[in-house]
PDB file of N, CA and C in Angstrom:
ATOM      1  N   MET A   1       0.823  -1.197   0.000  1.00  0.00           N
ATOM      2  CA  MET A   1       0.000   0.000   0.000  1.00  0.00           C
ATOM      3  C   MET A   1       0.864   1.257   0.000  1.00  0.00           C
ATOM      4  N   LEU A   2       1.938   1.285   0.792  1.00  0.00           N
ATOM      5  CA  LEU A   2       2.786   2.460   0.843  1.00  0.00           C
ATOM      6  C   LEU A   2       3.473   2.718  -0.490  1.00  0.00           C
ATOM      7  N   LYS A   3       3.873   1.651  -1.186  1.00  0.00           N
ATOM      8  CA  LYS A   3       4.520   1.821  -2.488  1.00  0.00           C
ATOM      9  C   LYS A   3       3.546   2.482  -3.464  1.00  0.00           C
ATOM     10  N   HIS A   4       2.304   2.034  -3.458  1.00  0.00           N
ATOM     11  CA  HIS A   4       1.283   2.636  -4.326  1.00  0.00           C
ATOM     12  C   HIS A   4       1.092   4.111  -3.989  1.00  0.00           C
ATOM     13  N   GLU A   5       1.029   4.429  -2.700  1.00  0.00           N
ATOM     14  CA  GLU A   5       0.858   5.832  -2.295  1.00  0.00           C
ATOM     15  C   GLU A   5       2.060   6.670  -2.704  1.00  0.00           C
ATOM     16  N   ALA A   6       3.260   6.119  -2.575  1.00  0.00           N
ATOM     17  CA  ALA A   6       4.469   6.852  -2.972  1.00  0.00           C
ATOM     18  C   ALA A   6       4.469   7.099  -4.478  1.00  0.00           C
ATOM     19  N   GLU A   7       4.051   6.113  -5.258  1.00  0.00           N
ATOM     20  CA  GLU A   7       3.981   6.293  -6.710  1.00  0.00           C
ATOM     21  C   GLU A   7       2.939   7.343  -7.070  1.00  0.00           C
ATOM     22  N   ALA A   8       1.817   7.340  -6.373  1.00  0.00           N
ATOM     23  CA  ALA A   8       0.783   8.347  -6.621  1.00  0.00           C
ATOM     24  C   ALA A   8       1.311   9.735  -6.277  1.00  0.00           C
ATOM     25  N   ALA A   9       2.031   9.844  -5.171  1.00  0.00           N
ATOM     26  CA  ALA A   9       2.614  11.135  -4.787  1.00  0.00           C
ATOM     27  C   ALA A   9       3.638  11.578  -5.825  1.00  0.00           C
ATOM     28  N   ASP A  10       4.430  10.649  -6.351  1.00  0.00           N
ATOM     29  CA  ASP A  10       5.405  10.982  -7.397  1.00  0.00           C
ATOM     30  C   ASP A  10       4.706  11.605  -8.598  1.00  0.00           C
ATOM     31  N   ARG A  11       3.586  10.999  -9.006  1.00  0.00           N
ATOM     32  CA  ARG A  11       2.849  11.533 -10.159  1.00  0.00           C
ATOM     33  C   ARG A  11       2.325  12.947  -9.865  1.00  0.00           C
ATOM     34  N   VAL A  12       1.828  13.162  -8.662  1.00  0.00           N
ATOM     35  CA  VAL A  12       1.312  14.491  -8.297  1.00  0.00           C
ATOM     36  C   VAL A  12       2.431  15.521  -8.309  1.00  0.00           C
ATOM     37  N   PHE A  13       3.561  15.204  -7.669  1.00  0.00           N
ATOM     38  CA  PHE A  13       4.664  16.168  -7.617  1.00  0.00           C
ATOM     39  C   PHE A  13       5.220  16.436  -9.015  1.00  0.00           C
ATOM     40  N   HIS A  14       5.273  15.406  -9.847  1.00  0.00           N
ATOM     41  CA  HIS A  14       5.710  15.607 -11.238  1.00  0.00           C
ATOM     42  C   HIS A  14       4.739  16.560 -11.954  1.00  0.00           C
ATOM     43  N   ALA A  15       3.457  16.322 -11.785  1.00  0.00           N
ATOM     44  CA  ALA A  15       2.461  17.165 -12.454  1.00  0.00           C
ATOM     45  C   ALA A  15       2.560  18.608 -11.982  1.00  0.00           C
ATOM     46  N   LEU A  16       2.754  18.807 -10.697  1.00  0.00           N
ATOM     47  CA  LEU A  16       2.793  20.164 -10.139  1.00  0.00           C
ATOM     48  C   LEU A  16       4.133  20.864 -10.345  1.00  0.00           C
ATOM     49  N   ALA A  17       5.124  20.154 -10.873  1.00  0.00           N
ATOM     50  CA  ALA A  17       6.430  20.757 -11.115  1.00  0.00           C
ATOM     51  C   ALA A  17       6.397  21.740 -12.282  1.00  0.00           C
ATOM     52  N   ASP A  18       5.372  21.674 -13.096  1.00  0.00           N
ATOM     53  CA  ASP A  18       5.265  22.527 -14.280  1.00  0.00           C
ATOM     54  C   ASP A  18       4.374  23.734 -13.990  1.00  0.00           C
ATOM     55  N   ALA A  19       4.850  24.922 -14.319  1.00  0.00           N
ATOM     56  CA  ALA A  19       4.101  26.158 -14.044  1.00  0.00           C
ATOM     57  C   ALA A  19       2.767  26.208 -14.786  1.00  0.00           C
ATOM     58  N   ASN A  20       2.723  25.706 -16.014  1.00  0.00           N
ATOM     59  CA  ASN A  20       1.460  25.715 -16.761  1.00  0.00           C
ATOM     60  C   ASN A  20       0.419  24.826 -16.088  1.00  0.00           C
ATOM     61  N   ARG A  21       0.858  23.667 -15.619  1.00  0.00           N
ATOM     62  CA  ARG A  21      -0.091  22.772 -14.953  1.00  0.00           C
ATOM     63  C   ARG A  21      -0.560  23.351 -13.620  1.00  0.00           C
ATOM     64  N   ARG A  22       0.345  24.035 -12.908  1.00  0.00           N
ATOM     65  CA  ARG A  22      -0.085  24.705 -11.676  1.00  0.00           C
ATOM     66  C   ARG A  22      -1.097  25.799 -11.992  1.00  0.00           C
ATOM     67  N   ALA A  23      -0.917  26.497 -13.097  1.00  0.00           N
ATOM     68  CA  ALA A  23      -1.871  27.543 -13.502  1.00  0.00           C
ATOM     69  C   ALA A  23      -3.237  26.928 -13.802  1.00  0.00           C
ATOM     70  N   VAL A  24      -3.253  25.763 -14.435  1.00  0.00           N
ATOM     71  CA  VAL A  24      -4.521  25.071 -14.713  1.00  0.00           C
ATOM     72  C   VAL A  24      -5.215  24.717 -13.399  1.00  0.00           C
ATOM     73  N   ILE A  25      -4.460  24.161 -12.460  1.00  0.00           N
ATOM     74  CA  ILE A  25      -5.036  23.804 -11.155  1.00  0.00           C
ATOM     75  C   ILE A  25      -5.583  25.052 -10.475  1.00  0.00           C
ATOM     76  N   GLU A  26      -4.813  26.100 -10.485  1.00  0.00           N
ATOM     77  CA  GLU A  26      -5.253  27.356  -9.854  1.00  0.00           C
ATOM     78  C   GLU A  26      -6.555  27.847 -10.487  1.00  0.00           C
ATOM     79  N   ARG A  27      -6.630  27.793 -11.802  1.00  0.00           N
ATOM     80  CA  ARG A  27      -7.855  28.229 -12.485  1.00  0.00           C
ATOM     81  C   ARG A  27      -9.030  27.334 -12.133  1.00  0.00           C
ATOM     82  N   LEU A  28      -8.809  26.034 -12.092  1.00  0.00           N
ATOM     83  CA  LEU A  28      -9.907  25.104 -11.829  1.00  0.00           C
ATOM     84  C   LEU A  28     -10.394  25.154 -10.382  1.00  0.00           C
ATOM     85  N   THR A  29      -9.612  25.721  -9.493  1.00  0.00           N
ATOM     86  CA  THR A  29     -10.102  25.885  -8.120  1.00  0.00           C
ATOM     87  C   THR A  29     -11.255  26.875  -8.066  1.00  0.00           C
ATOM     88  N   ARG A  30     -11.392  27.690  -9.090  1.00  0.00           N
ATOM     89  CA  ARG A  30     -12.504  28.659  -9.151  1.00  0.00           C
ATOM     90  C   ARG A  30     -13.725  28.079  -9.849  1.00  0.00           C
ATOM     91  N   GLY A  31     -13.609  26.875 -10.404  1.00  0.00           N
ATOM     92  CA  GLY A  31     -14.731  26.234 -11.073  1.00  0.00           C
ATOM     93  C   GLY A  31     -14.310  25.557 -12.354  1.00  0.00           C
ATOM     94  N   PRO A  32     -15.221  24.797 -12.954  1.00  0.00           N
ATOM     95  CA  PRO A  32     -14.917  24.067 -14.186  1.00  0.00           C
ATOM     96  C   PRO A  32     -14.531  25.017 -15.329  1.00  0.00           C
ATOM     97  N   ALA A  33     -13.772  24.479 -16.277  1.00  0.00           N
ATOM     98  CA  ALA A  33     -13.379  25.252 -17.461  1.00  0.00           C
ATOM     99  C   ALA A  33     -13.235  24.299 -18.638  1.00  0.00           C
ATOM    100  N   THR A  34     -13.467  24.831 -19.823  1.00  0.00           N
ATOM    101  CA  THR A  34     -13.296  24.027 -21.031  1.00  0.00           C
ATOM    102  C   THR A  34     -11.815  23.996 -21.402  1.00  0.00           C
ATOM    103  N   VAL A  35     -11.459  23.034 -22.240  1.00  0.00           N
ATOM    104  CA  VAL A  35     -10.077  22.937 -22.713  1.00  0.00           C
ATOM    105  C   VAL A  35      -9.699  24.210 -23.457  1.00  0.00           C
ATOM    106  N   SER A  36     -10.620  24.755 -24.238  1.00  0.00           N
ATOM    107  CA  SER A  36     -10.332  25.990 -24.982  1.00  0.00           C
ATOM    108  C   SER A  36     -10.055  27.148 -24.037  1.00  0.00           C
ATOM    109  N   GLU A  37     -10.825  27.246 -22.960  1.00  0.00           N
ATOM    110  CA  GLU A  37     -10.586  28.305 -21.974  1.00  0.00           C
ATOM    111  C   GLU A  37      -9.216  28.149 -21.327  1.00  0.00           C
ATOM    112  N   LEU A  38      -8.860  26.918 -21.023  1.00  0.00           N
ATOM    113  CA  LEU A  38      -7.554  26.669 -20.403  1.00  0.00           C
ATOM    114  C   LEU A  38      -6.417  26.959 -21.378  1.00  0.00           C
ATOM    115  N   ALA A  39      -6.614  26.630 -22.650  1.00  0.00           N
ATOM    116  CA  ALA A  39      -5.597  26.928 -23.667  1.00  0.00           C
ATOM    117  C   ALA A  39      -5.379  28.432 -23.773  1.00  0.00           C
ATOM    118  N   ALA A  40      -6.477  29.205 -23.748  1.00  0.00           N
ATOM    119  CA  ALA A  40      -6.361  30.662 -23.809  1.00  0.00           C
ATOM    120  C   ALA A  40      -5.618  31.187 -22.579  1.00  0.00           C
ATOM    121  N   LEU A  41      -5.906  30.627 -21.433  1.00  0.00           N
ATOM    122  CA  LEU A  41      -5.230  31.034 -20.197  1.00  0.00           C
ATOM    123  C   LEU A  41      -3.725  30.805 -20.301  1.00  0.00           C
ATOM    124  N   LEU A  42      -3.351  29.641 -20.806  1.00  0.00           N
ATOM    125  CA  LEU A  42      -1.938  29.284 -20.891  1.00  0.00           C
ATOM    126  C   LEU A  42      -1.228  29.939 -22.068  1.00  0.00           C
ATOM    127  N   GLY A  43      -1.993  30.336 -23.068  1.00  0.00           N
ATOM    128  CA  GLY A  43      -1.381  30.905 -24.270  1.00  0.00           C
ATOM    129  C   GLY A  43      -0.691  29.844 -25.111  1.00  0.00           C
ATOM    130  N   VAL A  44      -1.219  28.618 -25.067  1.00  0.00           N
ATOM    131  CA  VAL A  44      -0.672  27.524 -25.871  1.00  0.00           C
ATOM    132  C   VAL A  44      -1.800  26.922 -26.701  1.00  0.00           C
ATOM    133  N   THR A  45      -1.452  26.025 -27.592  1.00  0.00           N
ATOM    134  CA  THR A  45      -2.454  25.393 -28.440  1.00  0.00           C
ATOM    135  C   THR A  45      -3.347  24.469 -27.620  1.00  0.00           C
ATOM    136  N   VAL A  46      -4.478  24.136 -28.200  1.00  0.00           N
ATOM    137  CA  VAL A  46      -5.374  23.167 -27.557  1.00  0.00           C
ATOM    138  C   VAL A  46      -4.649  21.832 -27.406  1.00  0.00           C
ATOM    139  N   ALA A  47      -3.885  21.436 -28.422  1.00  0.00           N
ATOM    140  CA  ALA A  47      -3.134  20.176 -28.351  1.00  0.00           C
ATOM    141  C   ALA A  47      -2.134  20.204 -27.194  1.00  0.00           C
ATOM    142  N   GLY A  48      -1.456  21.316 -27.014  1.00  0.00           N
ATOM    143  CA  GLY A  48      -0.512  21.449 -25.900  1.00  0.00           C
ATOM    144  C   GLY A  48      -1.225  21.395 -24.560  1.00  0.00           C
ATOM    145  N   THR A  49      -2.378  22.025 -24.497  1.00  0.00           N
ATOM    146  CA  THR A  49      -3.179  22.008 -23.275  1.00  0.00           C
ATOM    147  C   THR A  49      -3.647  20.597 -22.954  1.00  0.00           C
ATOM    148  N   VAL A  50      -4.055  19.858 -23.974  1.00  0.00           N
ATOM    149  CA  VAL A  50      -4.492  18.471 -23.779  1.00  0.00           C
ATOM    150  C   VAL A  50      -3.354  17.630 -23.202  1.00  0.00           C
ATOM    151  N   GLN A  51      -2.124  17.865 -23.642  1.00  0.00           N
ATOM    152  CA  GLN A  51      -0.983  17.130 -23.092  1.00  0.00           C
ATOM    153  C   GLN A  51      -0.825  17.429 -21.599  1.00  0.00           C
ATOM    154  N   HIS A  52      -0.941  18.702 -21.229  1.00  0.00           N
ATOM    155  CA  HIS A  52      -0.865  19.064 -19.814  1.00  0.00           C
ATOM    156  C   HIS A  52      -2.008  18.408 -19.031  1.00  0.00           C
ATOM    157  N   LEU A  53      -3.183  18.426 -19.601  1.00  0.00           N
ATOM    158  CA  LEU A  53      -4.338  17.831 -18.923  1.00  0.00           C
ATOM    159  C   LEU A  53      -4.177  16.329 -18.739  1.00  0.00           C
ATOM    160  N   ARG A  54      -3.547  15.687 -19.702  1.00  0.00           N
ATOM    161  CA  ARG A  54      -3.319  14.239 -19.587  1.00  0.00           C
ATOM    162  C   ARG A  54      -2.444  13.937 -18.367  1.00  0.00           C
ATOM    163  N   VAL A  55      -1.402  14.742 -18.165  1.00  0.00           N
ATOM    164  CA  VAL A  55      -0.530  14.556 -16.999  1.00  0.00           C
ATOM    165  C   VAL A  55      -1.321  14.803 -15.712  1.00  0.00           C
ATOM    166  N   LEU A  56      -2.138  15.849 -15.709  1.00  0.00           N
ATOM    167  CA  LEU A  56      -2.951  16.165 -14.529  1.00  0.00           C
ATOM    168  C   LEU A  56      -3.989  15.082 -14.251  1.00  0.00           C
ATOM    169  N   GLN A  57      -4.555  14.509 -15.295  1.00  0.00           N
ATOM    170  CA  GLN A  57      -5.532  13.434 -15.114  1.00  0.00           C
ATOM    171  C   GLN A  57      -4.844  12.158 -14.634  1.00  0.00           C
ATOM    172  N   ASP A  58      -3.671  11.853 -15.161  1.00  0.00           N
ATOM    173  CA  ASP A  58      -2.936  10.659 -14.727  1.00  0.00           C
ATOM    174  C   ASP A  58      -2.554  10.746 -13.252  1.00  0.00           C
ATOM    175  N   SER A  59      -2.376  11.965 -12.755  1.00  0.00           N
ATOM    176  CA  SER A  59      -2.023  12.158 -11.349  1.00  0.00           C
ATOM    177  C   SER A  59      -3.258  12.358 -10.472  1.00  0.00           C
ATOM    178  N   GLU A  60      -4.436  12.238 -11.063  1.00  0.00           N
ATOM    179  CA  GLU A  60      -5.723  12.379 -10.381  1.00  0.00           C
ATOM    180  C   GLU A  60      -5.917  13.762  -9.756  1.00  0.00           C
ATOM    181  N   LEU A  61      -5.373  14.782 -10.420  1.00  0.00           N
ATOM    182  CA  LEU A  61      -5.591  16.157  -9.983  1.00  0.00           C
ATOM    183  C   LEU A  61      -6.747  16.810 -10.729  1.00  0.00           C
ATOM    184  N   VAL A  62      -7.035  16.294 -11.920  1.00  0.00           N
ATOM    185  CA  VAL A  62      -8.078  16.859 -12.777  1.00  0.00           C
ATOM    186  C   VAL A  62      -8.869  15.705 -13.383  1.00  0.00           C
ATOM    187  N   ARG A  63     -10.147  15.925 -13.570  1.00  0.00           N
ATOM    188  CA  ARG A  63     -10.979  14.980 -14.316  1.00  0.00           C
ATOM    189  C   ARG A  63     -11.738  15.784 -15.364  1.00  0.00           C
ATOM    190  N   SER A  64     -12.123  15.123 -16.419  1.00  0.00           N
ATOM    191  CA  SER A  64     -12.831  15.839 -17.478  1.00  0.00           C
ATOM    192  C   SER A  64     -13.955  14.977 -18.024  1.00  0.00           C
ATOM    193  N   GLU A  65     -14.889  15.660 -18.654  1.00  0.00           N
ATOM    194  CA  GLU A  65     -15.979  14.953 -19.326  1.00  0.00           C
ATOM    195  C   GLU A  65     -16.269  15.694 -20.622  1.00  0.00           C
ATOM    196  N   LYS A  66     -16.681  14.910 -21.605  1.00  0.00           N
ATOM    197  CA  LYS A  66     -16.974  15.476 -22.912  1.00  0.00           C
ATOM    198  C   LYS A  66     -18.475  15.398 -23.161  1.00  0.00           C
ATOM    199  N   VAL A  67     -19.042  16.539 -23.487  1.00  0.00           N
ATOM    200  CA  VAL A  67     -20.456  16.616 -23.855  1.00  0.00           C
ATOM    201  C   VAL A  67     -20.486  17.247 -25.247  1.00  0.00           C
ATOM    202  N   GLY A  68     -20.885  16.455 -26.220  1.00  0.00           N
ATOM    203  CA  GLY A  68     -20.838  16.940 -27.601  1.00  0.00           C
ATOM    204  C   GLY A  68     -19.389  17.123 -28.018  1.00  0.00           C
ATOM    205  N   ARG A  69     -19.063  18.334 -28.414  1.00  0.00           N
ATOM    206  CA  ARG A  69     -17.682  18.631 -28.834  1.00  0.00           C
ATOM    207  C   ARG A  69     -16.902  19.367 -27.760  1.00  0.00           C
ATOM    208  N   VAL A  70     -17.512  19.581 -26.608  1.00  0.00           N
ATOM    209  CA  VAL A  70     -16.877  20.385 -25.559  1.00  0.00           C
ATOM    210  C   VAL A  70     -16.400  19.486 -24.415  1.00  0.00           C
ATOM    211  N   ARG A  71     -15.116  19.581 -24.101  1.00  0.00           N
ATOM    212  CA  ARG A  71     -14.547  18.854 -22.963  1.00  0.00           C
ATOM    213  C   ARG A  71     -14.384  19.843 -21.820  1.00  0.00           C
ATOM    214  N   THR A  72     -15.010  19.519 -20.676  1.00  0.00           N
ATOM    215  CA  THR A  72     -14.963  20.380 -19.495  1.00  0.00           C
ATOM    216  C   THR A  72     -14.126  19.697 -18.415  1.00  0.00           C
ATOM    217  N   CYS A  73     -13.256  20.469 -17.782  1.00  0.00           N
ATOM    218  CA  CYS A  73     -12.346  19.949 -16.762  1.00  0.00           C
ATOM    219  C   CYS A  73     -12.729  20.477 -15.388  1.00  0.00           C
ATOM    220  N   ARG A  74     -12.487  19.635 -14.389  1.00  0.00           N
ATOM    221  CA  ARG A  74     -12.767  19.972 -12.990  1.00  0.00           C
ATOM    222  C   ARG A  74     -11.624  19.451 -12.115  1.00  0.00           C
ATOM    223  N   ILE A  75     -11.526  20.007 -10.929  1.00  0.00           N
ATOM    224  CA  ILE A  75     -10.552  19.533  -9.947  1.00  0.00           C
ATOM    225  C   ILE A  75     -10.958  18.139  -9.473  1.00  0.00           C
ATOM    226  N   ASP A  76      -9.968  17.291  -9.273  1.00  0.00           N
ATOM    227  CA  ASP A  76     -10.157  15.970  -8.674  1.00  0.00           C
ATOM    228  C   ASP A  76      -9.220  15.918  -7.468  1.00  0.00           C
ATOM    229  N   THR A  77      -9.751  15.741  -6.289  1.00  0.00           N
ATOM    230  CA  THR A  77      -8.934  15.843  -5.075  1.00  0.00           C
ATOM    231  C   THR A  77      -8.207  14.548  -4.704  1.00  0.00           C
ATOM    232  N   ALA A  78      -8.430  13.471  -5.433  1.00  0.00           N
ATOM    233  CA  ALA A  78      -7.790  12.194  -5.084  1.00  0.00           C
ATOM    234  C   ALA A  78      -6.267  12.302  -5.098  1.00  0.00           C
ATOM    235  N   GLY A  79      -5.724  12.963  -6.102  1.00  0.00           N
ATOM    236  CA  GLY A  79      -4.268  13.114  -6.195  1.00  0.00           C
ATOM    237  C   GLY A  79      -3.703  13.925  -5.046  1.00  0.00           C
ATOM    238  N   LEU A  80      -4.388  14.972  -4.669  1.00  0.00           N
ATOM    239  CA  LEU A  80      -3.921  15.789  -3.554  1.00  0.00           C
ATOM    240  C   LEU A  80      -3.932  15.003  -2.252  1.00  0.00           C
ATOM    241  N   ARG A  81      -4.909  14.141  -2.081  1.00  0.00           N
ATOM    242  CA  ARG A  81      -4.949  13.313  -0.864  1.00  0.00           C
ATOM    243  C   ARG A  81      -3.733  12.389  -0.803  1.00  0.00           C
ATOM    244  N   SER A  82      -3.309  11.843  -1.927  1.00  0.00           N
ATOM    245  CA  SER A  82      -2.117  10.986  -1.957  1.00  0.00           C
ATOM    246  C   SER A  82      -0.876  11.772  -1.550  1.00  0.00           C
ATOM    247  N   ALA A  83      -0.732  12.951  -2.105  1.00  0.00           N
ATOM    248  CA  ALA A  83       0.428  13.788  -1.775  1.00  0.00           C
ATOM    249  C   ALA A  83       0.385  14.226  -0.315  1.00  0.00           C
ATOM    250  N   GLU A  84      -0.790  14.567   0.180  1.00  0.00           N
ATOM    251  CA  GLU A  84      -0.930  14.953   1.591  1.00  0.00           C
ATOM    252  C   GLU A  84      -0.528  13.818   2.519  1.00  0.00           C
ATOM    253  N   ALA A  85      -0.941  12.606   2.206  1.00  0.00           N
ATOM    254  CA  ALA A  85      -0.599  11.452   3.041  1.00  0.00           C
ATOM    255  C   ALA A  85       0.912  11.250   3.060  1.00  0.00           C
ATOM    256  N   TRP A  86       1.544  11.370   1.914  1.00  0.00           N
ATOM    257  CA  TRP A  86       2.998  11.217   1.833  1.00  0.00           C
ATOM    258  C   TRP A  86       3.689  12.301   2.656  1.00  0.00           C
ATOM    259  N   LEU A  87       3.261  13.542   2.495  1.00  0.00           N
ATOM    260  CA  LEU A  87       3.856  14.655   3.248  1.00  0.00           C
ATOM    261  C   LEU A  87       3.631  14.500   4.748  1.00  0.00           C
ATOM    262  N   ARG A  88       2.460  14.048   5.132  1.00  0.00           N
ATOM    263  CA  ARG A  88       2.148  13.866   6.551  1.00  0.00           C
ATOM    264  C   ARG A  88       3.108  12.855   7.179  1.00  0.00           C
ATOM    265  N   ARG A  89       3.380  11.765   6.465  1.00  0.00           N
ATOM    266  CA  ARG A  89       4.315  10.767   6.995  1.00  0.00           C
ATOM    267  C   ARG A  89       5.720  11.340   7.122  1.00  0.00           C
ATOM    268  N   ARG A  90       6.160  12.092   6.136  1.00  0.00           N
ATOM    269  CA  ARG A  90       7.499  12.707   6.201  1.00  0.00           C
ATOM    270  C   ARG A  90       7.562  13.684   7.378  1.00  0.00           C
ATOM    271  N   ARG A  91       6.515  14.466   7.549  1.00  0.00           N
ATOM    272  CA  ARG A  91       6.493  15.444   8.644  1.00  0.00           C
ATOM    273  C   ARG A  91       6.568  14.736   9.991  1.00  0.00           C
ATOM    274  N   THR A  92       5.825  13.655  10.165  1.00  0.00           N
ATOM    275  CA  THR A  92       5.838  12.898  11.417  1.00  0.00           C
ATOM    276  C   THR A  92       7.233  12.345  11.686  1.00  0.00           C
ATOM    277  N   GLU A  93       7.870  11.787  10.655  1.00  0.00           N
ATOM    278  CA  GLU A  93       9.221  11.255  10.810  1.00  0.00           C
ATOM    279  C   GLU A  93      10.184  12.333  11.276  1.00  0.00           C
ATOM    280  N   TRP A  94      10.135  13.497  10.622  1.00  0.00           N
ATOM    281  CA  TRP A  94      11.064  14.573  10.977  1.00  0.00           C
ATOM    282  C   TRP A  94      10.760  15.150  12.351  1.00  0.00           C
ATOM    283  N   GLU A  95       9.506  15.218  12.728  1.00  0.00           N
ATOM    284  CA  GLU A  95       9.186  15.703  14.072  1.00  0.00           C
ATOM    285  C   GLU A  95       9.760  14.769  15.127  1.00  0.00           C
ATOM    286  N   HIS A  96       9.657  13.455  14.899  1.00  0.00           N
ATOM    287  CA  HIS A  96      10.237  12.484  15.841  1.00  0.00           C
ATOM    288  C   HIS A  96      11.756  12.636  15.900  1.00  0.00           C
ATOM    289  N   ARG A  97      12.376  12.806  14.765  1.00  0.00           N
ATOM    290  CA  ARG A  97      13.839  12.966  14.737  1.00  0.00           C
ATOM    291  C   ARG A  97      14.258  14.234  15.474  1.00  0.00           C
ATOM    292  N   LEU A  98      13.545  15.320  15.253  1.00  0.00           N
ATOM    293  CA  LEU A  98      13.876  16.570  15.933  1.00  0.00           C
ATOM    294  C   LEU A  98      13.620  16.481  17.429  1.00  0.00           C
ATOM    295  N   ASP A  99      12.579  15.760  17.826  1.00  0.00           N
ATOM    296  CA  ASP A  99      12.319  15.548  19.252  1.00  0.00           C
ATOM    297  C   ASP A  99      13.479  14.776  19.896  1.00  0.00           C
ATOM    298  N   ARG A 100      13.962  13.729  19.207  1.00  0.00           N
ATOM    299  CA  ARG A 100      15.089  12.956  19.744  1.00  0.00           C
ATOM    300  C   ARG A 100      16.340  13.812  19.824  1.00  0.00           C
ATOM    301  N   LEU A 101      16.585  14.635  18.804  1.00  0.00           N
ATOM    302  CA  LEU A 101      17.742  15.531  18.822  1.00  0.00           C
ATOM    303  C   LEU A 101      17.628  16.512  19.985  1.00  0.00           C
ATOM    304  N   GLY A 102      16.444  17.053  20.189  1.00  0.00           N
ATOM    305  CA  GLY A 102      16.237  17.972  21.310  1.00  0.00           C
ATOM    306  C   GLY A 102      16.513  17.305  22.643  1.00  0.00           C
ATOM    307  N   ALA A 103      16.094  16.043  22.793  1.00  0.00           N
ATOM    308  CA  ALA A 103      16.338  15.304  24.035  1.00  0.00           C
ATOM    309  C   ALA A 103      17.833  15.095  24.246  1.00  0.00           C
ATOM    310  N   VAL A 104      18.549  14.755  23.191  1.00  0.00           N
ATOM    311  CA  VAL A 104      19.999  14.562  23.293  1.00  0.00           C
ATOM    312  C   VAL A 104      20.666  15.868  23.694  1.00  0.00           C
ATOM    313  N   LEU A 105      20.286  16.956  23.081  1.00  0.00           N
ATOM    314  CA  LEU A 105      20.879  18.250  23.413  1.00  0.00           C
ATOM    315  C   LEU A 105      20.552  18.670  24.840  1.00  0.00           C
ATOM    316  N   ASP A 106      19.326  18.396  25.279  1.00  0.00           N
ATOM    317  CA  ASP A 106      18.953  18.690  26.669  1.00  0.00           C
ATOM    318  C   ASP A 106      19.813  17.889  27.634  1.00  0.00           C
ATOM    319  N   ASP A 107      20.030  16.600  27.346  1.00  0.00           N
ATOM    320  CA  ASP A 107      20.855  15.754  28.200  1.00  0.00           C
ATOM    321  C   ASP A 107      22.288  16.278  28.272  1.00  0.00           C
ATOM    322  N   GLN A 108      22.814  16.745  27.162  1.00  0.00           N
ATOM    323  CA  GLN A 108      24.202  17.247  27.136  1.00  0.00           C
ATOM    324  C   GLN A 108      24.342  18.527  27.948  1.00  0.00           C
ATOM    325  N   THR A 109      23.357  19.374  27.932  1.00  0.00           N
ATOM    326  CA  THR A 109      23.443  20.627  28.683  1.00  0.00           C
ATOM    327  C   THR A 109      23.216  20.412  30.180  1.00  0.00           C
ATOM    328  N   LYS A 110      22.601  19.281  30.557  1.00  0.00           N
ATOM    329  CA  LYS A 110      22.330  18.983  31.970  1.00  0.00           C
ATOM    330  C   LYS A 110      23.468  18.221  32.627  1.00  0.00           C
ATOM    331  N   GLU A 111      24.391  17.659  31.844  1.00  0.00           N
ATOM    332  CA  GLU A 111      25.490  16.873  32.419  1.00  0.00           C
ATOM    333  C   GLU A 111      26.396  17.767  33.245  1.00  0.00           C
ATOM    334  N   PRO A 112      26.838  17.261  34.398  1.00  0.00           N
ATOM    335  CA  PRO A 112      27.755  18.049  35.225  1.00  0.00           C
ATOM    336  C   PRO A 112      29.093  18.228  34.510  1.00  0.00           C
ATOM    337  N   GLY A 113      29.650  19.369  34.690  1.00  0.00           N
ATOM    338  CA  GLY A 113      30.954  19.661  34.077  1.00  0.00           C
ATOM    339  C   GLY A 113      30.845  20.185  32.655  1.00  0.00           C
ATOM    340  N   SER A 114      29.639  20.463  32.222  1.00  0.00           N
ATOM    341  CA  SER A 114      29.491  20.972  30.862  1.00  0.00           C
ATOM    342  C   SER A 114      29.712  22.451  30.818  1.00  0.00           C
TER     343      SER A 114
END
């Protein structure tokens, strides 16, 4: 299960590493948008936008549906949950490590002759 979550987090971080894809996510937080609207926002072709959307969909950050000739995109929170879980585990690990370091430093300052 952890390997699957780590792979999902990898896909999310890869998707969010690109400024254009982050701009798409930012726009979609305000509501659904068509591929054409997103292409205009990015200043790239519809084909280029579709490539970005494919990466976002593979990472479960965006989902889309086609009605007639119009494809509408929306935020999908599944990918963010994977990344949050991964980050939460890293944060817990580092907090424990820092707590142990603090205890060691406290012990050193309390020793006689220090």
